[in-house]
Amino acid sequence: MKQFNNIEIPISLPDLCDPGRMALLVYDMQVGIIRQIKDGSHIVQQVIRVLQAARTAGIRIVFTRHMSLPKAWMGAMQLRTAMSWQHKDEPADVSPWFLRDTAGFEIVPELTPKADEVVFDKLTMSAFEGTPLAIALRDVGIMSIAIAGIAMEVGIEPTDRHAADLGIVPVVIADACGVGNQAAAARSLESLRFAGDAIISDVESFTALLKRDQIKAPTPVS
């Protein structure tokens, strides 16, 4: 950790792995999204490892779900996106894939949020746009947000960039992030590395740091 003008400046991942200052974002790990990803079941297992370590360490956890509006409420941008994803030439031919209370909209049961964890629904790719996420993080003094989920090139990259613009350090747990297109995801990751705002990590390194902090923590006196 560097200091300047009475400001603490985190430089490395160990500087950020403080359960009181970091949150974990589990991004769009929904039934209807995971079944579109080639290695979806592997990503579920990777996210489970991250989630278990974060829960044990006492890190605050937030989930997002991508939501479709009923077709009567789908505007120009939602229709354009749906046409692209569903390979349709006409807006009348698209279907809202992630309607609330449908099976595809729900988070996979292996990752079911606990009572003290938050779920925010969104229409956008950035987890911050149109959700209370930024307000909630600021209100509890969060400095950084670790991100795992799906998909790197679609929603995780814009969420990372938005976090940095809000003054929150993004930590990408790269091998716990699913991809729809490997080449596009690699470009996203390389772009984040180049910009320098995000810290890129992996499941093994991230969970090891959380375990290290648990070992270092003093035993409460009864």
Protein backbone atom coordinates (compact mmCIF):
# COMPACT_ATOMS: atom_id res chain seq x y z
CA MET A 1 0.00 0.00 0.00
CA LYS A 2 1.37 3.42 -0.95
CA GLN A 3 0.47 6.65 0.83
CA PHE A 4 0.35 10.20 -0.51
CA ASN A 5 -1.41 13.29 0.84
CA ASN A 6 -2.94 11.12 3.58
CA ILE A 7 -4.49 8.87 0.93
CA GLU A 8 -3.94 5.11 0.91
CA ILE A 9 -3.25 3.89 -2.64
CA PRO A 10 -3.65 0.11 -3.14
CA ILE A 11 -1.08 -1.24 -5.57
CA SER A 12 -1.42 -4.99 -5.43
CA LEU A 13 -4.07 -7.61 -4.73
CA PRO A 14 -2.89 -8.18 -1.12
CA ASP A 15 -3.55 -4.47 -0.49
CA LEU A 16 -7.18 -4.98 -1.49
CA CYS A 17 -8.09 -8.31 0.12
CA ASP A 18 -9.57 -6.73 3.22
CA PRO A 19 -13.03 -8.15 4.02
CA GLY A 20 -14.08 -4.75 5.34
CA ARG A 21 -13.14 -2.92 2.12
CA MET A 22 -13.77 -5.49 -0.64
CA ALA A 23 -16.99 -6.96 -2.06
CA LEU A 24 -17.48 -9.91 -4.40
CA LEU A 25 -19.74 -9.51 -7.43
CA VAL A 26 -21.11 -12.74 -8.90
CA TYR A 27 -22.12 -11.56 -12.34
CA ASP A 28 -25.14 -13.07 -14.16
CA MET A 29 -24.64 -16.71 -13.20
CA GLN A 30 -28.12 -17.53 -14.47
CA VAL A 31 -29.52 -20.79 -15.79
CA GLY A 32 -30.29 -19.34 -19.22
CA ILE A 33 -26.83 -17.82 -19.59
CA ILE A 34 -24.74 -20.72 -18.34
CA ARG A 35 -26.35 -23.14 -20.79
CA GLN A 36 -25.12 -20.93 -23.66
CA ILE A 37 -21.48 -21.17 -22.52
CA LYS A 38 -19.33 -24.05 -23.72
CA ASP A 39 -17.62 -24.55 -20.35
CA GLY A 40 -20.52 -23.35 -18.23
CA SER A 41 -20.35 -26.18 -15.69
CA HIS A 42 -16.62 -25.56 -15.15
CA ILE A 43 -17.22 -21.85 -14.53
CA VAL A 44 -19.92 -22.74 -12.00
CA GLN A 45 -17.36 -24.82 -10.09
CA GLN A 46 -14.79 -22.02 -10.23
CA VAL A 47 -17.29 -19.48 -8.95
CA ILE A 48 -18.28 -21.88 -6.16
CA ARG A 49 -14.64 -21.91 -4.99
CA VAL A 50 -14.49 -18.12 -4.99
CA LEU A 51 -17.87 -17.79 -3.31
CA GLN A 52 -17.01 -20.24 -0.54
CA ALA A 53 -13.72 -18.47 0.19
CA ALA A 54 -15.42 -15.06 0.24
CA ARG A 55 -18.17 -16.30 2.56
CA THR A 56 -15.64 -17.80 4.94
CA ALA A 57 -13.62 -14.57 4.94
CA GLY A 58 -16.71 -12.46 5.64
CA ILE A 59 -16.60 -10.49 2.39
CA ARG A 60 -19.86 -8.85 1.34
CA ILE A 61 -21.38 -10.59 -1.68
CA VAL A 62 -23.66 -9.23 -4.39
CA PHE A 63 -25.23 -11.09 -7.31
CA THR A 64 -26.58 -9.63 -10.54
CA ARG A 65 -29.21 -11.05 -12.87
CA HIS A 66 -29.72 -9.88 -16.43
CA MET A 67 -33.39 -9.18 -17.00
CA SER A 68 -35.52 -8.91 -20.13
CA LEU A 69 -38.60 -6.73 -20.20
CA PRO A 70 -41.88 -7.97 -21.70
CA LYS A 71 -41.88 -7.46 -25.44
CA ALA A 72 -44.24 -4.48 -25.23
CA TRP A 73 -41.60 -2.74 -23.12
CA MET A 74 -38.55 -3.64 -25.21
CA GLY A 75 -37.16 -0.42 -26.66
CA ALA A 76 -34.83 0.23 -29.57
CA MET A 77 -31.63 -0.72 -27.74
CA GLN A 78 -33.05 -3.87 -26.16
CA LEU A 79 -34.47 -4.96 -29.51
CA ARG A 80 -31.17 -4.30 -31.29
CA THR A 81 -29.28 -6.34 -28.69
CA ALA A 82 -31.80 -9.18 -28.83
CA MET A 83 -31.64 -9.26 -32.63
CA SER A 84 -27.85 -9.55 -32.45
CA TRP A 85 -27.82 -12.25 -29.76
CA GLN A 86 -30.62 -14.26 -31.35
CA HIS A 87 -29.45 -13.78 -34.95
CA LYS A 88 -32.76 -12.30 -36.07
CA ASP A 89 -33.24 -9.87 -38.94
CA GLU A 90 -36.59 -8.56 -37.73
CA PRO A 91 -37.40 -7.15 -34.27
CA ALA A 92 -40.77 -8.91 -34.34
CA ASP A 93 -38.96 -12.25 -34.34
CA VAL A 94 -37.01 -11.81 -31.08
CA SER A 95 -38.00 -13.36 -27.76
CA PRO A 96 -37.32 -11.94 -24.27
CA TRP A 97 -35.01 -14.66 -22.95
CA PHE A 98 -34.68 -13.48 -19.35
CA LEU A 99 -38.14 -12.55 -18.16
CA ARG A 100 -38.48 -12.29 -14.39
CA ASP A 101 -39.71 -15.48 -12.67
CA THR A 102 -38.81 -17.74 -15.61
CA ALA A 103 -36.40 -20.67 -15.22
CA GLY A 104 -33.68 -19.11 -17.39
CA PHE A 105 -33.66 -15.91 -15.33
CA GLU A 106 -32.78 -17.59 -12.03
CA ILE A 107 -29.30 -17.96 -10.56
CA VAL A 108 -28.12 -21.58 -10.78
CA PRO A 109 -29.03 -23.48 -7.60
CA GLU A 110 -25.39 -24.31 -6.78
CA LEU A 111 -24.84 -20.57 -6.18
CA THR A 112 -28.07 -19.72 -4.38
CA PRO A 113 -27.57 -16.42 -2.52
CA LYS A 114 -27.77 -16.46 1.27
CA ALA A 115 -30.11 -14.25 3.28
CA ASP A 116 -27.41 -11.64 3.96
CA GLU A 117 -26.32 -11.40 0.31
CA VAL A 118 -27.80 -8.97 -2.20
CA VAL A 119 -29.28 -9.60 -5.66
CA PHE A 120 -29.67 -6.72 -8.12
CA ASP A 121 -31.52 -7.11 -11.42
CA LYS A 122 -30.40 -5.08 -14.42
CA LEU A 123 -31.18 -4.35 -18.06
CA THR A 124 -27.68 -3.22 -19.00
CA MET A 125 -24.23 -4.74 -19.37
CA SER A 126 -22.62 -2.67 -16.60
CA ALA A 127 -23.73 -3.90 -13.19
CA PHE A 128 -23.72 -0.28 -12.03
CA GLU A 129 -26.07 1.25 -14.60
CA GLY A 130 -29.63 1.49 -13.34
CA THR A 131 -28.96 -0.49 -10.11
CA PRO A 132 -28.25 0.62 -6.51
CA LEU A 133 -24.86 -1.13 -6.58
CA ALA A 134 -22.67 2.00 -6.49
CA ILE A 135 -24.71 3.55 -3.68
CA ALA A 136 -24.62 0.35 -1.63
CA LEU A 137 -20.85 -0.08 -2.05
CA ARG A 138 -20.10 3.52 -1.10
CA ASP A 139 -22.39 3.37 1.90
CA VAL A 140 -20.45 0.48 3.47
CA GLY A 141 -17.03 1.88 2.57
CA ILE A 142 -16.03 -0.57 -0.16
CA MET A 143 -12.74 0.21 -1.92
CA SER A 144 -12.59 -2.68 -4.39
CA ILE A 145 -14.87 -5.21 -6.05
CA ALA A 146 -13.79 -8.68 -7.13
CA ILE A 147 -15.75 -10.00 -10.10
CA ALA A 148 -16.52 -13.53 -11.29
CA GLY A 149 -19.24 -14.77 -13.61
CA ILE A 150 -20.35 -14.61 -17.25
CA ALA A 151 -19.39 -13.22 -19.68
CA MET A 152 -16.01 -11.54 -19.80
CA GLU A 153 -16.42 -9.85 -23.18
CA VAL A 154 -20.10 -8.89 -22.78
CA GLY A 155 -20.71 -7.62 -19.26
CA ILE A 156 -17.63 -8.04 -17.08
CA GLU A 157 -15.38 -5.71 -19.06
CA PRO A 158 -17.89 -2.79 -19.03
CA THR A 159 -18.59 -3.40 -15.34
CA ASP A 160 -14.85 -3.25 -14.58
CA ARG A 161 -14.46 0.00 -16.49
CA HIS A 162 -17.50 1.52 -14.81
CA ALA A 163 -16.16 0.52 -11.38
CA ALA A 164 -12.88 2.29 -12.09
CA ASP A 165 -14.72 5.42 -13.22
CA LEU A 166 -16.53 5.38 -9.86
CA GLY A 167 -13.25 5.13 -7.94
CA ILE A 168 -13.68 1.44 -7.05
CA VAL A 169 -10.74 -0.83 -7.88
CA PRO A 170 -11.93 -3.81 -9.99
CA VAL A 171 -10.35 -7.22 -9.46
CA VAL A 172 -11.00 -9.68 -12.29
CA ILE A 173 -10.82 -13.33 -11.26
CA ALA A 174 -10.08 -14.33 -14.82
CA ASP A 175 -10.42 -18.11 -14.64
CA ALA A 176 -13.77 -17.74 -12.88
CA CYS A 177 -15.15 -15.66 -15.77
CA GLY A 178 -16.96 -17.49 -18.56
CA VAL A 179 -16.77 -16.40 -22.18
CA GLY A 180 -19.04 -16.56 -25.17
CA ASN A 181 -16.27 -15.92 -27.69
CA GLN A 182 -12.73 -16.83 -26.70
CA ALA A 183 -10.99 -14.35 -29.01
CA ALA A 184 -13.22 -11.46 -27.96
CA ALA A 185 -12.75 -12.34 -24.28
CA ALA A 186 -8.97 -12.41 -24.70
CA ARG A 187 -9.12 -8.93 -26.26
CA SER A 188 -11.22 -7.69 -23.34
CA LEU A 189 -8.77 -9.04 -20.79
CA GLU A 190 -5.78 -7.62 -22.63
CA SER A 191 -7.52 -4.24 -22.91
CA LEU A 192 -8.17 -4.19 -19.16
CA ARG A 193 -4.52 -5.05 -18.49
CA PHE A 194 -3.38 -2.26 -20.80
CA ALA A 195 -5.67 0.36 -19.22
CA GLY A 196 -4.18 -0.46 -15.83
CA ASP A 197 -7.28 0.20 -13.71
CA ALA A 198 -8.07 -3.44 -12.95
CA ILE A 199 -6.06 -6.08 -11.14
CA ILE A 200 -6.17 -9.43 -12.95
CA SER A 201 -6.05 -12.48 -10.70
CA ASP A 202 -7.08 -16.14 -10.66
CA VAL A 203 -9.03 -18.42 -8.36
CA GLU A 204 -5.99 -20.01 -6.71
CA SER A 205 -4.26 -16.71 -5.93
CA PHE A 206 -7.42 -14.95 -4.79
CA THR A 207 -8.64 -17.69 -2.48
CA ALA A 208 -5.14 -18.20 -1.06
CA LEU A 209 -5.00 -14.52 -0.07
CA LEU A 210 -8.35 -14.77 1.67
CA LYS A 211 -7.17 -17.84 3.59
CA ARG A 212 -3.95 -16.03 4.51
CA ASP A 213 -5.94 -13.19 6.03
CA GLN A 214 -8.01 -15.66 8.06
CA ILE A 215 -4.85 -17.25 9.44
CA LYS A 216 -3.43 -13.84 10.35
CA ALA A 217 -6.61 -12.64 12.04
CA PRO A 218 -6.44 -12.74 15.85
CA THR A 219 -8.59 -15.24 17.68
CA PRO A 220 -11.46 -13.45 19.48
CA VAL A 221 -11.19 -13.52 23.28
CA SER A 222 -14.23 -15.19 24.85
